[in-house]
């Protein structure tokens, strides 16, 4: 019987410049080395059934990446965790796994927000705190993002759920929660360019991914409210 598992993993400093395709290949090989019955698509060039919440940009590290793994046969959850953990390293490290229903949408379709930690050694914390306060006090912040030959204009303020600054070795550490849905994705570099132009980050780490997790109780309440 087919089984689907949601897996969390870390991406460390030494591999922050490897591509999303390399990450996919790493996990395919790790799952196969673990002797787990990974499912593949049908067709001339079968692909492993691995679904990620969202590709991590090159140069970022992460503490909380998410992917769904589909297996051809059921495996005990504790055994899955143990076998896969033995095949990973600190660079791309298995963190945890839970079983999810086969009918659950893929993590990319459920993605709502992403949390980041950004270190800015050249930005004095006093200036950072003033910039953060000014940004959060606005009701809107129109921003035009330029990428290659395309541009888009949107309300940056509406897509930032939280933003805070704290001192870090003479510079600043920013923590932020940014929109990461299929309709709108905001990257930390865009927020930095809008508020603190000229200050380059020493590191950017994705610390959490927030999914629109299905809730049986919530769905039951909605059905009752709609039909009764």
C-alpha atoms as a PDB file:
ATOM      1  CA  UNK A   1       0.000   0.000   0.000  1.00  0.00           C
ATOM      2  CA  UNK A   2       1.332   3.448  -0.949  1.00  0.00           C
ATOM      3  CA  UNK A   3       2.430   5.695   1.908  1.00  0.00           C
ATOM      4  CA  UNK A   4       3.301   9.385   2.123  1.00  0.00           C
ATOM      5  CA  UNK A   5       5.644  10.927   4.674  1.00  0.00           C
ATOM      6  CA  UNK A   6       6.433  14.578   5.355  1.00  0.00           C
ATOM      7  CA  UNK A   7      10.123  15.052   6.109  1.00  0.00           C
ATOM      8  CA  UNK A   8      11.957  18.016   7.659  1.00  0.00           C
ATOM      9  CA  UNK A   9      15.675  18.517   7.063  1.00  0.00           C
ATOM     10  CA  UNK A  10      18.486  21.046   7.455  1.00  0.00           C
ATOM     11  CA  UNK A  11      20.829  22.498   4.831  1.00  0.00           C
ATOM     12  CA  UNK A  12      24.170  23.523   6.266  1.00  0.00           C
ATOM     13  CA  UNK A  13      26.846  26.095   5.550  1.00  0.00           C
ATOM     14  CA  UNK A  14      29.129  23.843   3.483  1.00  0.00           C
ATOM     15  CA  UNK A  15      26.403  23.051   0.936  1.00  0.00           C
ATOM     16  CA  UNK A  16      24.615  26.377   0.737  1.00  0.00           C
ATOM     17  CA  UNK A  17      25.686  26.848  -2.893  1.00  0.00           C
ATOM     18  CA  UNK A  18      24.483  23.505  -4.244  1.00  0.00           C
ATOM     19  CA  UNK A  19      21.385  23.639  -6.430  1.00  0.00           C
ATOM     20  CA  UNK A  20      17.881  22.431  -5.710  1.00  0.00           C
ATOM     21  CA  UNK A  21      18.412  19.646  -8.266  1.00  0.00           C
ATOM     22  CA  UNK A  22      21.483  18.496  -6.328  1.00  0.00           C
ATOM     23  CA  UNK A  23      19.415  18.457  -3.127  1.00  0.00           C
ATOM     24  CA  UNK A  24      16.762  16.334  -4.822  1.00  0.00           C
ATOM     25  CA  UNK A  25      19.406  13.875  -6.054  1.00  0.00           C
ATOM     26  CA  UNK A  26      20.952  13.701  -2.590  1.00  0.00           C
ATOM     27  CA  UNK A  27      17.651  12.699  -1.007  1.00  0.00           C
ATOM     28  CA  UNK A  28      16.827  10.219  -3.743  1.00  0.00           C
ATOM     29  CA  UNK A  29      20.164   8.476  -3.158  1.00  0.00           C
ATOM     30  CA  UNK A  30      19.864   8.637   0.635  1.00  0.00           C
ATOM     31  CA  UNK A  31      16.391   7.051   0.527  1.00  0.00           C
ATOM     32  CA  UNK A  32      17.575   4.320  -1.815  1.00  0.00           C
ATOM     33  CA  UNK A  33      20.672   3.621   0.324  1.00  0.00           C
ATOM     34  CA  UNK A  34      18.343   3.300   3.312  1.00  0.00           C
ATOM     35  CA  UNK A  35      16.539   0.507   1.467  1.00  0.00           C
ATOM     36  CA  UNK A  36      13.223   2.372   1.516  1.00  0.00           C
ATOM     37  CA  UNK A  37      10.687   1.667  -1.286  1.00  0.00           C
ATOM     38  CA  UNK A  38      10.708   5.105  -2.941  1.00  0.00           C
ATOM     39  CA  UNK A  39       7.957   5.588  -5.552  1.00  0.00           C
ATOM     40  CA  UNK A  40       8.739   6.763  -9.080  1.00  0.00           C
ATOM     41  CA  UNK A  41       6.562   8.326 -11.751  1.00  0.00           C
ATOM     42  CA  UNK A  42       5.590   6.356 -14.827  1.00  0.00           C
ATOM     43  CA  UNK A  43       6.901   7.056 -18.309  1.00  0.00           C
ATOM     44  CA  UNK A  44      10.090   7.074 -20.346  1.00  0.00           C
ATOM     45  CA  UNK A  45      12.099   8.960 -17.688  1.00  0.00           C
ATOM     46  CA  UNK A  46      10.730   8.053 -14.227  1.00  0.00           C
ATOM     47  CA  UNK A  47      11.224  10.658 -11.506  1.00  0.00           C
ATOM     48  CA  UNK A  48      11.294  10.064  -7.742  1.00  0.00           C
ATOM     49  CA  UNK A  49       8.112  11.148  -5.999  1.00  0.00           C
ATOM     50  CA  UNK A  50       9.677  13.844  -3.825  1.00  0.00           C
ATOM     51  CA  UNK A  51       7.729  17.095  -3.396  1.00  0.00           C
ATOM     52  CA  UNK A  52       9.397  20.104  -1.768  1.00  0.00           C
ATOM     53  CA  UNK A  53       7.715  23.059  -0.076  1.00  0.00           C
ATOM     54  CA  UNK A  54       9.843  25.523  -2.038  1.00  0.00           C
ATOM     55  CA  UNK A  55      13.373  25.541  -3.482  1.00  0.00           C
ATOM     56  CA  UNK A  56      15.895  27.241  -1.213  1.00  0.00           C
ATOM     57  CA  UNK A  57      17.776  30.016  -3.058  1.00  0.00           C
ATOM     58  CA  UNK A  58      21.494  29.487  -3.643  1.00  0.00           C
ATOM     59  CA  UNK A  59      23.601  30.786  -0.772  1.00  0.00           C
ATOM     60  CA  UNK A  60      20.912  30.269   1.886  1.00  0.00           C
ATOM     61  CA  UNK A  61      21.150  27.799   4.733  1.00  0.00           C
ATOM     62  CA  UNK A  62      18.094  26.310   6.396  1.00  0.00           C
ATOM     63  CA  UNK A  63      16.961  24.725   9.635  1.00  0.00           C
ATOM     64  CA  UNK A  64      13.521  23.648   8.452  1.00  0.00           C
ATOM     65  CA  UNK A  65      13.185  22.474   4.845  1.00  0.00           C
ATOM     66  CA  UNK A  66      10.158  20.322   4.030  1.00  0.00           C
ATOM     67  CA  UNK A  67       9.599  17.578   1.469  1.00  0.00           C
ATOM     68  CA  UNK A  68       7.002  14.852   0.976  1.00  0.00           C
ATOM     69  CA  UNK A  69       8.254  11.346   0.239  1.00  0.00           C
ATOM     70  CA  UNK A  70       5.960   8.779  -1.396  1.00  0.00           C
ATOM     71  CA  UNK A  71       6.715   5.087  -0.825  1.00  0.00           C
ATOM     72  CA  UNK A  72       5.370   2.098  -2.770  1.00  0.00           C
ATOM     73  CA  UNK A  73       4.958   0.111   0.456  1.00  0.00           C
ATOM     74  CA  UNK A  74       4.166   1.034   4.035  1.00  0.00           C
ATOM     75  CA  UNK A  75       7.092   1.383   6.441  1.00  0.00           C
ATOM     76  CA  UNK A  76       6.867   1.789  10.212  1.00  0.00           C
ATOM     77  CA  UNK A  77       7.437   5.482  10.992  1.00  0.00           C
ATOM     78  CA  UNK A  78      10.097   4.840  13.644  1.00  0.00           C
ATOM     79  CA  UNK A  79      11.938   2.527  11.244  1.00  0.00           C
ATOM     80  CA  UNK A  80      11.735   5.117   8.446  1.00  0.00           C
ATOM     81  CA  UNK A  81      13.227   7.783  10.717  1.00  0.00           C
ATOM     82  CA  UNK A  82      16.051   5.539  11.905  1.00  0.00           C
ATOM     83  CA  UNK A  83      16.999   4.187   8.486  1.00  0.00           C
ATOM     84  CA  UNK A  84      16.969   7.553   6.734  1.00  0.00           C
ATOM     85  CA  UNK A  85      18.806   9.373   9.536  1.00  0.00           C
ATOM     86  CA  UNK A  86      21.702   6.914   9.214  1.00  0.00           C
ATOM     87  CA  UNK A  87      22.154   7.916   5.564  1.00  0.00           C
ATOM     88  CA  UNK A  88      22.393  11.694   6.080  1.00  0.00           C
ATOM     89  CA  UNK A  89      25.164  14.039   7.196  1.00  0.00           C
ATOM     90  CA  UNK A  90      25.255  17.370   9.040  1.00  0.00           C
ATOM     91  CA  UNK A  91      25.364  19.151   5.673  1.00  0.00           C
ATOM     92  CA  UNK A  92      21.915  17.861   4.658  1.00  0.00           C
ATOM     93  CA  UNK A  93      20.572  16.393   7.866  1.00  0.00           C
ATOM     94  CA  UNK A  94      17.327  14.549   8.491  1.00  0.00           C
ATOM     95  CA  UNK A  95      15.358  16.158  11.345  1.00  0.00           C
ATOM     96  CA  UNK A  96      11.972  14.439  11.588  1.00  0.00           C
ATOM     97  CA  UNK A  97       9.115  12.826   9.664  1.00  0.00           C
ATOM     98  CA  UNK A  98       5.373  12.314  10.088  1.00  0.00           C
ATOM     99  CA  UNK A  99       2.864  10.413   7.991  1.00  0.00           C
ATOM    100  CA  UNK A 100       0.322  12.458   6.027  1.00  0.00           C
ATOM    101  CA  UNK A 101      -2.765  11.268   4.109  1.00  0.00           C
ATOM    102  CA  UNK A 102      -2.269  10.509   0.437  1.00  0.00           C
ATOM    103  CA  UNK A 103      -4.993  13.062  -0.357  1.00  0.00           C
ATOM    104  CA  UNK A 104      -3.111  15.905   1.350  1.00  0.00           C
ATOM    105  CA  UNK A 105      -1.996  18.631  -1.105  1.00  0.00           C
ATOM    106  CA  UNK A 106       1.774  18.795  -1.707  1.00  0.00           C
ATOM    107  CA  UNK A 107       3.702  21.113   0.628  1.00  0.00           C
ATOM    108  CA  UNK A 108       4.263  23.719  -2.078  1.00  0.00           C
ATOM    109  CA  UNK A 109       0.482  24.165  -2.415  1.00  0.00           C
ATOM    110  CA  UNK A 110       0.176  24.590   1.373  1.00  0.00           C
ATOM    111  CA  UNK A 111       3.032  27.050   1.807  1.00  0.00           C
ATOM    112  CA  UNK A 112       1.990  30.337   3.444  1.00  0.00           C
ATOM    113  CA  UNK A 113       4.974  32.003   5.152  1.00  0.00           C
ATOM    114  CA  UNK A 114       8.686  31.513   5.687  1.00  0.00           C
ATOM    115  CA  UNK A 115      10.814  32.719   8.610  1.00  0.00           C
ATOM    116  CA  UNK A 116      14.366  33.977   8.055  1.00  0.00           C
ATOM    117  CA  UNK A 117      17.381  35.008  10.112  1.00  0.00           C
ATOM    118  CA  UNK A 118      19.613  37.557   8.376  1.00  0.00           C
ATOM    119  CA  UNK A 119      22.975  38.744   9.719  1.00  0.00           C
ATOM    120  CA  UNK A 120      24.148  42.215   8.665  1.00  0.00           C
ATOM    121  CA  UNK A 121      27.572  43.002  10.169  1.00  0.00           C
ATOM    122  CA  UNK A 122      27.779  46.435   8.479  1.00  0.00           C
ATOM    123  CA  UNK A 123      24.441  47.715   9.808  1.00  0.00           C
ATOM    124  CA  UNK A 124      24.495  49.389  13.268  1.00  0.00           C
ATOM    125  CA  UNK A 125      21.643  48.106  15.382  1.00  0.00           C
ATOM    126  CA  UNK A 126      20.384  51.629  16.163  1.00  0.00           C
ATOM    127  CA  UNK A 127      19.911  52.315  12.455  1.00  0.00           C
ATOM    128  CA  UNK A 128      18.308  48.892  12.011  1.00  0.00           C
ATOM    129  CA  UNK A 129      15.808  49.449  14.814  1.00  0.00           C
ATOM    130  CA  UNK A 130      14.835  52.846  13.397  1.00  0.00           C
ATOM    131  CA  UNK A 131      14.349  51.369   9.918  1.00  0.00           C
ATOM    132  CA  UNK A 132      12.290  48.477  11.258  1.00  0.00           C
ATOM    133  CA  UNK A 133      10.065  50.799  13.318  1.00  0.00           C
ATOM    134  CA  UNK A 134       9.464  53.069  10.334  1.00  0.00           C
ATOM    135  CA  UNK A 135       8.588  50.141   8.070  1.00  0.00           C
ATOM    136  CA  UNK A 136       6.205  48.503  10.550  1.00  0.00           C
ATOM    137  CA  UNK A 137       4.438  51.826  11.177  1.00  0.00           C
ATOM    138  CA  UNK A 138       3.454  52.115   7.510  1.00  0.00           C
ATOM    139  CA  UNK A 139       0.071  50.954   6.278  1.00  0.00           C
ATOM    140  CA  UNK A 140       1.583  50.168   2.878  1.00  0.00           C
ATOM    141  CA  UNK A 141       4.960  50.198   1.174  1.00  0.00           C
ATOM    142  CA  UNK A 142       4.916  50.116  -2.618  1.00  0.00           C
ATOM    143  CA  UNK A 143       7.964  48.294  -3.979  1.00  0.00           C
ATOM    144  CA  UNK A 144       9.086  47.464  -7.489  1.00  0.00           C
ATOM    145  CA  UNK A 145      11.168  44.330  -7.782  1.00  0.00           C
ATOM    146  CA  UNK A 146      13.543  44.055 -10.738  1.00  0.00           C
ATOM    147  CA  UNK A 147      14.564  40.542 -11.785  1.00  0.00           C
ATOM    148  CA  UNK A 148      16.419  40.043 -15.058  1.00  0.00           C
ATOM    149  CA  UNK A 149      14.274  41.812 -17.669  1.00  0.00           C
ATOM    150  CA  UNK A 150      11.041  41.606 -15.668  1.00  0.00           C
ATOM    151  CA  UNK A 151       9.616  43.777 -12.917  1.00  0.00           C
ATOM    152  CA  UNK A 152       6.640  43.650 -10.581  1.00  0.00           C
ATOM    153  CA  UNK A 153       5.190  46.229  -8.230  1.00  0.00           C
ATOM    154  CA  UNK A 154       3.427  45.197  -5.042  1.00  0.00           C
ATOM    155  CA  UNK A 155       2.691  46.245  -1.464  1.00  0.00           C
ATOM    156  CA  UNK A 156       5.729  44.979   0.410  1.00  0.00           C
ATOM    157  CA  UNK A 157       4.288  45.887   3.827  1.00  0.00           C
ATOM    158  CA  UNK A 158       1.253  43.633   3.349  1.00  0.00           C
ATOM    159  CA  UNK A 159       3.555  40.663   2.742  1.00  0.00           C
ATOM    160  CA  UNK A 160       5.714  41.032   5.855  1.00  0.00           C
ATOM    161  CA  UNK A 161       4.064  39.476   8.907  1.00  0.00           C
ATOM    162  CA  UNK A 162       6.837  40.324  11.361  1.00  0.00           C
ATOM    163  CA  UNK A 163      10.235  42.015  11.454  1.00  0.00           C
ATOM    164  CA  UNK A 164      12.645  42.599  14.351  1.00  0.00           C
ATOM    165  CA  UNK A 165      16.253  43.689  14.892  1.00  0.00           C
ATOM    166  CA  UNK A 166      18.749  42.739  17.589  1.00  0.00           C
ATOM    167  CA  UNK A 167      22.454  43.482  18.134  1.00  0.00           C
ATOM    168  CA  UNK A 168      25.032  41.022  16.819  1.00  0.00           C
ATOM    169  CA  UNK A 169      28.783  41.637  17.266  1.00  0.00           C
ATOM    170  CA  UNK A 170      28.587  45.329  16.422  1.00  0.00           C
ATOM    171  CA  UNK A 171      26.123  44.739  13.610  1.00  0.00           C
ATOM    172  CA  UNK A 172      22.529  43.563  13.379  1.00  0.00           C
ATOM    173  CA  UNK A 173      20.579  40.327  13.185  1.00  0.00           C
ATOM    174  CA  UNK A 174      17.153  40.616  11.578  1.00  0.00           C
ATOM    175  CA  UNK A 175      14.380  38.069  12.038  1.00  0.00           C
ATOM    176  CA  UNK A 176      11.411  38.166   9.694  1.00  0.00           C
ATOM    177  CA  UNK A 177       8.329  36.302   8.490  1.00  0.00           C
ATOM    178  CA  UNK A 178       7.675  36.801   4.781  1.00  0.00           C
ATOM    179  CA  UNK A 179       4.894  35.739   2.427  1.00  0.00           C
ATOM    180  CA  UNK A 180       5.810  32.537   0.586  1.00  0.00           C
ATOM    181  CA  UNK A 181       2.615  31.404  -1.108  1.00  0.00           C
ATOM    182  CA  UNK A 182       2.166  30.338  -4.716  1.00  0.00           C
ATOM    183  CA  UNK A 183       0.561  33.714  -5.479  1.00  0.00           C
ATOM    184  CA  UNK A 184       3.207  35.871  -3.802  1.00  0.00           C
ATOM    185  CA  UNK A 185       6.714  35.162  -2.580  1.00  0.00           C
ATOM    186  CA  UNK A 186       8.911  37.795  -0.938  1.00  0.00           C
ATOM    187  CA  UNK A 187      12.620  37.112  -0.505  1.00  0.00           C
ATOM    188  CA  UNK A 188      14.754  38.634   2.259  1.00  0.00           C
ATOM    189  CA  UNK A 189      17.018  40.385  -0.264  1.00  0.00           C
ATOM    190  CA  UNK A 190      14.047  42.410  -1.519  1.00  0.00           C
ATOM    191  CA  UNK A 191      13.148  43.573   1.975  1.00  0.00           C
ATOM    192  CA  UNK A 192      16.774  44.514   2.670  1.00  0.00           C
ATOM    193  CA  UNK A 193      17.023  46.450  -0.600  1.00  0.00           C
ATOM    194  CA  UNK A 194      13.843  48.357   0.269  1.00  0.00           C
ATOM    195  CA  UNK A 195      14.724  49.266   3.859  1.00  0.00           C
ATOM    196  CA  UNK A 196      18.524  49.058   4.122  1.00  0.00           C
ATOM    197  CA  UNK A 197      19.986  49.603   0.636  1.00  0.00           C
ATOM    198  CA  UNK A 198      23.731  49.064   0.392  1.00  0.00           C
ATOM    199  CA  UNK A 199      23.985  46.648   3.316  1.00  0.00           C
ATOM    200  CA  UNK A 200      24.871  43.135   2.184  1.00  0.00           C
ATOM    201  CA  UNK A 201      23.998  40.176   4.430  1.00  0.00           C
ATOM    202  CA  UNK A 202      26.760  37.910   5.691  1.00  0.00           C
ATOM    203  CA  UNK A 203      24.303  35.024   5.922  1.00  0.00           C
ATOM    204  CA  UNK A 204      20.638  34.220   5.370  1.00  0.00           C
ATOM    205  CA  UNK A 205      19.027  31.211   7.037  1.00  0.00           C
ATOM    206  CA  UNK A 206      15.462  29.966   6.571  1.00  0.00           C
ATOM    207  CA  UNK A 207      14.465  29.006  10.092  1.00  0.00           C
ATOM    208  CA  UNK A 208      10.857  27.847   9.598  1.00  0.00           C
ATOM    209  CA  UNK A 209       8.254  27.101   6.960  1.00  0.00           C
ATOM    210  CA  UNK A 210       4.595  27.705   7.790  1.00  0.00           C
ATOM    211  CA  UNK A 211       2.122  25.451   5.997  1.00  0.00           C
ATOM    212  CA  UNK A 212      -1.657  25.684   5.842  1.00  0.00           C
ATOM    213  CA  UNK A 213      -1.971  22.351   7.609  1.00  0.00           C
ATOM    214  CA  UNK A 214      -5.326  20.577   7.210  1.00  0.00           C
ATOM    215  CA  UNK A 215      -7.354  20.417  10.418  1.00  0.00           C
ATOM    216  CA  UNK A 216     -10.129  17.782  10.733  1.00  0.00           C
ATOM    217  CA  UNK A 217     -11.846  19.822  13.444  1.00  0.00           C
ATOM    218  CA  UNK A 218     -11.763  22.982  11.334  1.00  0.00           C
ATOM    219  CA  UNK A 219     -13.056  21.178   8.252  1.00  0.00           C
ATOM    220  CA  UNK A 220     -15.879  19.596  10.275  1.00  0.00           C
ATOM    221  CA  UNK A 221     -16.848  23.031  11.611  1.00  0.00           C
ATOM    222  CA  UNK A 222     -16.861  24.453   8.084  1.00  0.00           C
ATOM    223  CA  UNK A 223     -19.040  21.613   6.797  1.00  0.00           C
ATOM    224  CA  UNK A 224     -21.469  22.041   9.675  1.00  0.00           C
ATOM    225  CA  UNK A 225     -21.665  25.781   9.194  1.00  0.00           C
ATOM    226  CA  UNK A 226     -22.208  25.414   5.483  1.00  0.00           C
ATOM    227  CA  UNK A 227     -24.708  22.576   5.364  1.00  0.00           C
ATOM    228  CA  UNK A 228     -26.591  22.617   8.665  1.00  0.00           C
END
